[in-house]
Amino acid sequence: MIPVSWYLTLAAILFSIGVYGFLARRNVIIMFLSIELMLNAANLNLVAVSHYLTDLRGQILTFFIIAVAAAEAAIGLGIVVALFRNKATVYADEIAQMKG
């Protein structure tokens, strides 16, 4: 059986990659993918600790997080498509200018 510390280490690595991808990249689509990677790292933590403690609450919470992540992806990609139609770019630096 694989120890729970390996799962927690893998989740920490995935979360770190997600944070780096969100902070270092300026492409909005890559930023959304990085957020999804961070959410999946949190899900991995919840499932691993839930299995280790033989409690289903963490696994049930994971289903809710997956549903929220799917909604976030759908709404986020809709916003990206709308921004791309108006600005013709997906880079956050070029979109950041607000006009009133």
N, C-alpha and C. Protein backbone atom coordinates (compact mmCIF):
# COMPACT_ATOMS: atom_id res chain seq x y z
N MET A 1 0.84 -1.18 0.00
CA MET A 1 0.00 0.00 0.00
C MET A 1 0.89 1.25 0.00
N ILE A 2 0.49 2.21 -0.77
CA ILE A 2 1.26 3.45 -0.87
C ILE A 2 0.96 4.33 0.33
N PRO A 3 1.97 4.85 1.00
CA PRO A 3 1.73 5.72 2.16
C PRO A 3 1.07 7.04 1.76
N VAL A 4 0.32 7.60 2.68
CA VAL A 4 -0.41 8.83 2.40
C VAL A 4 0.54 10.01 2.17
N SER A 5 1.72 9.95 2.70
CA SER A 5 2.67 11.05 2.51
C SER A 5 3.08 11.19 1.05
N TRP A 6 3.07 10.10 0.29
CA TRP A 6 3.40 10.19 -1.13
C TRP A 6 2.30 10.94 -1.88
N TYR A 7 1.06 10.69 -1.52
CA TYR A 7 -0.05 11.40 -2.15
C TYR A 7 0.00 12.89 -1.81
N LEU A 8 0.31 13.19 -0.56
CA LEU A 8 0.38 14.59 -0.15
C LEU A 8 1.55 15.30 -0.83
N THR A 9 2.65 14.60 -1.02
CA THR A 9 3.79 15.18 -1.72
C THR A 9 3.46 15.43 -3.19
N LEU A 10 2.80 14.47 -3.82
CA LEU A 10 2.38 14.65 -5.21
C LEU A 10 1.41 15.80 -5.35
N ALA A 11 0.48 15.93 -4.41
CA ALA A 11 -0.47 17.04 -4.45
C ALA A 11 0.24 18.38 -4.25
N ALA A 12 1.25 18.41 -3.38
CA ALA A 12 2.00 19.65 -3.19
C ALA A 12 2.77 20.03 -4.45
N ILE A 13 3.32 19.04 -5.14
CA ILE A 13 4.03 19.31 -6.39
C ILE A 13 3.07 19.83 -7.45
N LEU A 14 1.90 19.18 -7.57
CA LEU A 14 0.91 19.63 -8.54
C LEU A 14 0.42 21.05 -8.22
N PHE A 15 0.19 21.33 -6.95
CA PHE A 15 -0.26 22.66 -6.56
C PHE A 15 0.82 23.70 -6.86
N SER A 16 2.07 23.35 -6.62
CA SER A 16 3.17 24.28 -6.91
C SER A 16 3.29 24.56 -8.40
N ILE A 17 3.11 23.53 -9.22
CA ILE A 17 3.13 23.73 -10.67
C ILE A 17 1.98 24.63 -11.09
N GLY A 18 0.82 24.45 -10.48
CA GLY A 18 -0.33 25.29 -10.78
C GLY A 18 -0.10 26.75 -10.39
N VAL A 19 0.48 26.97 -9.23
CA VAL A 19 0.77 28.35 -8.79
C VAL A 19 1.78 29.00 -9.72
N TYR A 20 2.82 28.25 -10.09
CA TYR A 20 3.82 28.78 -11.01
C TYR A 20 3.20 29.11 -12.37
N GLY A 21 2.37 28.21 -12.86
CA GLY A 21 1.72 28.45 -14.15
C GLY A 21 0.81 29.65 -14.12
N PHE A 22 0.12 29.86 -12.99
CA PHE A 22 -0.79 31.01 -12.89
C PHE A 22 -0.01 32.32 -12.79
N LEU A 23 1.08 32.32 -12.04
CA LEU A 23 1.82 33.56 -11.82
C LEU A 23 2.78 33.90 -12.96
N ALA A 24 3.30 32.90 -13.63
CA ALA A 24 4.33 33.15 -14.64
C ALA A 24 3.75 33.38 -16.04
N ARG A 25 2.63 32.78 -16.34
CA ARG A 25 2.08 32.87 -17.69
C ARG A 25 1.08 34.02 -17.78
N ARG A 26 0.97 34.60 -18.93
CA ARG A 26 0.04 35.69 -19.16
C ARG A 26 -1.11 35.29 -20.06
N ASN A 27 -1.09 34.07 -20.58
CA ASN A 27 -2.17 33.57 -21.41
C ASN A 27 -3.34 33.19 -20.51
N VAL A 28 -4.52 33.71 -20.78
CA VAL A 28 -5.66 33.49 -19.90
C VAL A 28 -6.07 32.02 -19.89
N ILE A 29 -5.96 31.34 -20.99
CA ILE A 29 -6.32 29.92 -21.04
C ILE A 29 -5.37 29.11 -20.17
N ILE A 30 -4.08 29.40 -20.22
CA ILE A 30 -3.11 28.71 -19.37
C ILE A 30 -3.38 29.03 -17.90
N MET A 31 -3.81 30.25 -17.61
CA MET A 31 -4.14 30.61 -16.24
C MET A 31 -5.33 29.78 -15.73
N PHE A 32 -6.35 29.59 -16.57
CA PHE A 32 -7.47 28.74 -16.18
C PHE A 32 -7.05 27.29 -15.98
N LEU A 33 -6.18 26.79 -16.84
CA LEU A 33 -5.69 25.43 -16.67
C LEU A 33 -4.89 25.29 -15.38
N SER A 34 -4.15 26.32 -15.02
CA SER A 34 -3.39 26.29 -13.77
C SER A 34 -4.32 26.27 -12.55
N ILE A 35 -5.41 27.01 -12.63
CA ILE A 35 -6.39 26.99 -11.54
C ILE A 35 -7.00 25.60 -11.41
N GLU A 36 -7.30 24.97 -12.54
CA GLU A 36 -7.84 23.62 -12.51
C GLU A 36 -6.83 22.64 -11.90
N LEU A 37 -5.56 22.83 -12.21
CA LEU A 37 -4.53 21.96 -11.65
C LEU A 37 -4.45 22.13 -10.14
N MET A 38 -4.58 23.36 -9.65
CA MET A 38 -4.57 23.59 -8.20
C MET A 38 -5.79 22.96 -7.54
N LEU A 39 -6.96 23.06 -8.18
CA LEU A 39 -8.16 22.42 -7.62
C LEU A 39 -8.01 20.91 -7.58
N ASN A 40 -7.41 20.34 -8.62
CA ASN A 40 -7.21 18.89 -8.62
C ASN A 40 -6.19 18.45 -7.57
N ALA A 41 -5.22 19.28 -7.27
CA ALA A 41 -4.28 18.96 -6.19
C ALA A 41 -5.02 18.96 -4.85
N ALA A 42 -5.91 19.90 -4.65
CA ALA A 42 -6.71 19.92 -3.42
C ALA A 42 -7.61 18.68 -3.35
N ASN A 43 -8.17 18.28 -4.50
CA ASN A 43 -8.99 17.07 -4.52
C ASN A 43 -8.17 15.84 -4.16
N LEU A 44 -6.96 15.77 -4.66
CA LEU A 44 -6.09 14.64 -4.34
C LEU A 44 -5.80 14.59 -2.84
N ASN A 45 -5.56 15.74 -2.25
CA ASN A 45 -5.37 15.80 -0.79
C ASN A 45 -6.60 15.30 -0.05
N LEU A 46 -7.77 15.79 -0.46
CA LEU A 46 -8.99 15.39 0.22
C LEU A 46 -9.24 13.89 0.12
N VAL A 47 -9.06 13.33 -1.06
CA VAL A 47 -9.31 11.91 -1.24
C VAL A 47 -8.29 11.07 -0.48
N ALA A 48 -7.02 11.47 -0.51
CA ALA A 48 -5.99 10.70 0.18
C ALA A 48 -6.20 10.70 1.69
N VAL A 49 -6.47 11.85 2.26
CA VAL A 49 -6.67 11.92 3.71
C VAL A 49 -7.98 11.24 4.09
N SER A 50 -9.00 11.38 3.25
CA SER A 50 -10.27 10.71 3.52
C SER A 50 -10.11 9.19 3.52
N HIS A 51 -9.35 8.68 2.57
CA HIS A 51 -9.11 7.24 2.53
C HIS A 51 -8.26 6.79 3.72
N TYR A 52 -7.30 7.60 4.08
CA TYR A 52 -6.42 7.26 5.21
C TYR A 52 -7.21 7.21 6.52
N LEU A 53 -8.16 8.13 6.68
CA LEU A 53 -8.95 8.18 7.91
C LEU A 53 -10.21 7.33 7.85
N THR A 54 -10.44 6.65 6.72
CA THR A 54 -11.64 5.86 6.45
C THR A 54 -12.92 6.65 6.73
N ASP A 55 -12.95 7.85 6.17
CA ASP A 55 -14.10 8.74 6.31
C ASP A 55 -14.48 9.21 4.91
N LEU A 56 -15.75 9.21 4.61
CA LEU A 56 -16.19 9.55 3.25
C LEU A 56 -16.43 11.04 3.04
N ARG A 57 -16.33 11.86 4.06
CA ARG A 57 -16.64 13.28 3.90
C ARG A 57 -15.71 13.98 2.91
N GLY A 58 -14.44 13.63 2.91
CA GLY A 58 -13.51 14.24 1.97
C GLY A 58 -13.80 13.85 0.54
N GLN A 59 -14.22 12.61 0.33
CA GLN A 59 -14.54 12.16 -1.01
C GLN A 59 -15.84 12.78 -1.51
N ILE A 60 -16.79 12.98 -0.63
CA ILE A 60 -18.04 13.65 -1.01
C ILE A 60 -17.76 15.12 -1.34
N LEU A 61 -16.93 15.77 -0.56
CA LEU A 61 -16.58 17.16 -0.83
C LEU A 61 -15.86 17.29 -2.17
N THR A 62 -15.11 16.26 -2.55
CA THR A 62 -14.41 16.28 -3.83
C THR A 62 -15.40 16.35 -4.99
N PHE A 63 -16.53 15.65 -4.88
CA PHE A 63 -17.53 15.73 -5.95
C PHE A 63 -18.07 17.15 -6.10
N PHE A 64 -18.28 17.84 -5.00
CA PHE A 64 -18.76 19.22 -5.07
C PHE A 64 -17.70 20.13 -5.68
N ILE A 65 -16.43 19.90 -5.35
CA ILE A 65 -15.36 20.71 -5.92
C ILE A 65 -15.25 20.47 -7.42
N ILE A 66 -15.43 19.24 -7.85
CA ILE A 66 -15.39 18.94 -9.29
C ILE A 66 -16.54 19.65 -10.00
N ALA A 67 -17.71 19.69 -9.39
CA ALA A 67 -18.84 20.40 -10.00
C ALA A 67 -18.58 21.90 -10.10
N VAL A 68 -18.01 22.48 -9.05
CA VAL A 68 -17.67 23.90 -9.09
C VAL A 68 -16.59 24.18 -10.13
N ALA A 69 -15.62 23.28 -10.25
CA ALA A 69 -14.55 23.45 -11.24
C ALA A 69 -15.11 23.38 -12.66
N ALA A 70 -16.08 22.50 -12.89
CA ALA A 70 -16.69 22.42 -14.21
C ALA A 70 -17.46 23.70 -14.53
N ALA A 71 -18.17 24.22 -13.57
CA ALA A 71 -18.89 25.48 -13.79
C ALA A 71 -17.92 26.63 -14.01
N GLU A 72 -16.85 26.65 -13.26
CA GLU A 72 -15.83 27.70 -13.42
C GLU A 72 -15.19 27.62 -14.80
N ALA A 73 -14.95 26.42 -15.28
CA ALA A 73 -14.34 26.26 -16.60
C ALA A 73 -15.30 26.73 -17.69
N ALA A 74 -16.57 26.39 -17.57
CA ALA A 74 -17.54 26.79 -18.58
C ALA A 74 -17.72 28.30 -18.61
N ILE A 75 -17.86 28.91 -17.45
CA ILE A 75 -18.04 30.36 -17.40
C ILE A 75 -16.75 31.08 -17.80
N GLY A 76 -15.62 30.58 -17.33
CA GLY A 76 -14.35 31.20 -17.67
C GLY A 76 -14.05 31.15 -19.16
N LEU A 77 -14.30 30.01 -19.78
CA LEU A 77 -14.05 29.92 -21.22
C LEU A 77 -15.02 30.78 -22.01
N GLY A 78 -16.24 30.94 -21.51
CA GLY A 78 -17.18 31.86 -22.15
C GLY A 78 -16.68 33.30 -22.09
N ILE A 79 -16.13 33.68 -20.95
CA ILE A 79 -15.56 35.02 -20.81
C ILE A 79 -14.36 35.19 -21.73
N VAL A 80 -13.52 34.16 -21.82
CA VAL A 80 -12.35 34.24 -22.70
C VAL A 80 -12.77 34.39 -24.16
N VAL A 81 -13.80 33.66 -24.57
CA VAL A 81 -14.28 33.78 -25.95
C VAL A 81 -14.82 35.19 -26.21
N ALA A 82 -15.56 35.73 -25.26
CA ALA A 82 -16.08 37.10 -25.42
C ALA A 82 -14.95 38.12 -25.47
N LEU A 83 -13.95 37.96 -24.62
CA LEU A 83 -12.81 38.88 -24.66
C LEU A 83 -12.02 38.75 -25.95
N PHE A 84 -11.88 37.52 -26.45
CA PHE A 84 -11.14 37.33 -27.70
C PHE A 84 -11.87 37.96 -28.87
N ARG A 85 -13.19 37.93 -28.85
CA ARG A 85 -13.95 38.57 -29.93
C ARG A 85 -13.79 40.08 -29.89
N ASN A 86 -13.67 40.66 -28.71
CA ASN A 86 -13.54 42.12 -28.59
C ASN A 86 -12.10 42.60 -28.77
N LYS A 87 -11.15 41.91 -28.18
CA LYS A 87 -9.76 42.37 -28.18
C LYS A 87 -8.85 41.63 -29.15
N ALA A 88 -9.25 40.47 -29.64
CA ALA A 88 -8.46 39.63 -30.55
C ALA A 88 -7.14 39.18 -29.93
N THR A 89 -7.14 38.97 -28.62
CA THR A 89 -5.97 38.45 -27.93
C THR A 89 -6.42 37.70 -26.69
N VAL A 90 -5.57 36.77 -26.21
CA VAL A 90 -5.87 36.04 -24.98
C VAL A 90 -4.82 36.30 -23.91
N TYR A 91 -4.02 37.33 -24.09
CA TYR A 91 -2.98 37.65 -23.12
C TYR A 91 -3.51 38.65 -22.10
N ALA A 92 -3.29 38.35 -20.83
CA ALA A 92 -3.86 39.15 -19.75
C ALA A 92 -3.29 40.57 -19.72
N ASP A 93 -2.05 40.76 -20.14
CA ASP A 93 -1.46 42.10 -20.12
C ASP A 93 -2.15 43.03 -21.10
N GLU A 94 -2.57 42.51 -22.24
CA GLU A 94 -3.23 43.34 -23.24
C GLU A 94 -4.70 43.54 -22.95
N ILE A 95 -5.30 42.65 -22.16
CA ILE A 95 -6.73 42.76 -21.83
C ILE A 95 -6.93 43.65 -20.60
N ALA A 96 -5.91 43.86 -19.81
CA ALA A 96 -6.02 44.50 -18.51
C ALA A 96 -6.46 45.96 -18.56
N GLN A 97 -6.41 46.59 -19.70
CA GLN A 97 -6.81 47.99 -19.78
C GLN A 97 -8.32 48.11 -19.80
N MET A 98 -8.84 48.86 -18.84
CA MET A 98 -10.30 49.06 -18.76
C MET A 98 -10.63 50.44 -19.35
N LYS A 99 -11.65 50.47 -20.15
CA LYS A 99 -12.10 51.73 -20.73
C LYS A 99 -13.51 52.00 -20.25
N GLY A 100 -13.77 53.23 -19.83
CA GLY A 100 -15.10 53.53 -19.30
C GLY A 100 -15.85 54.54 -20.09
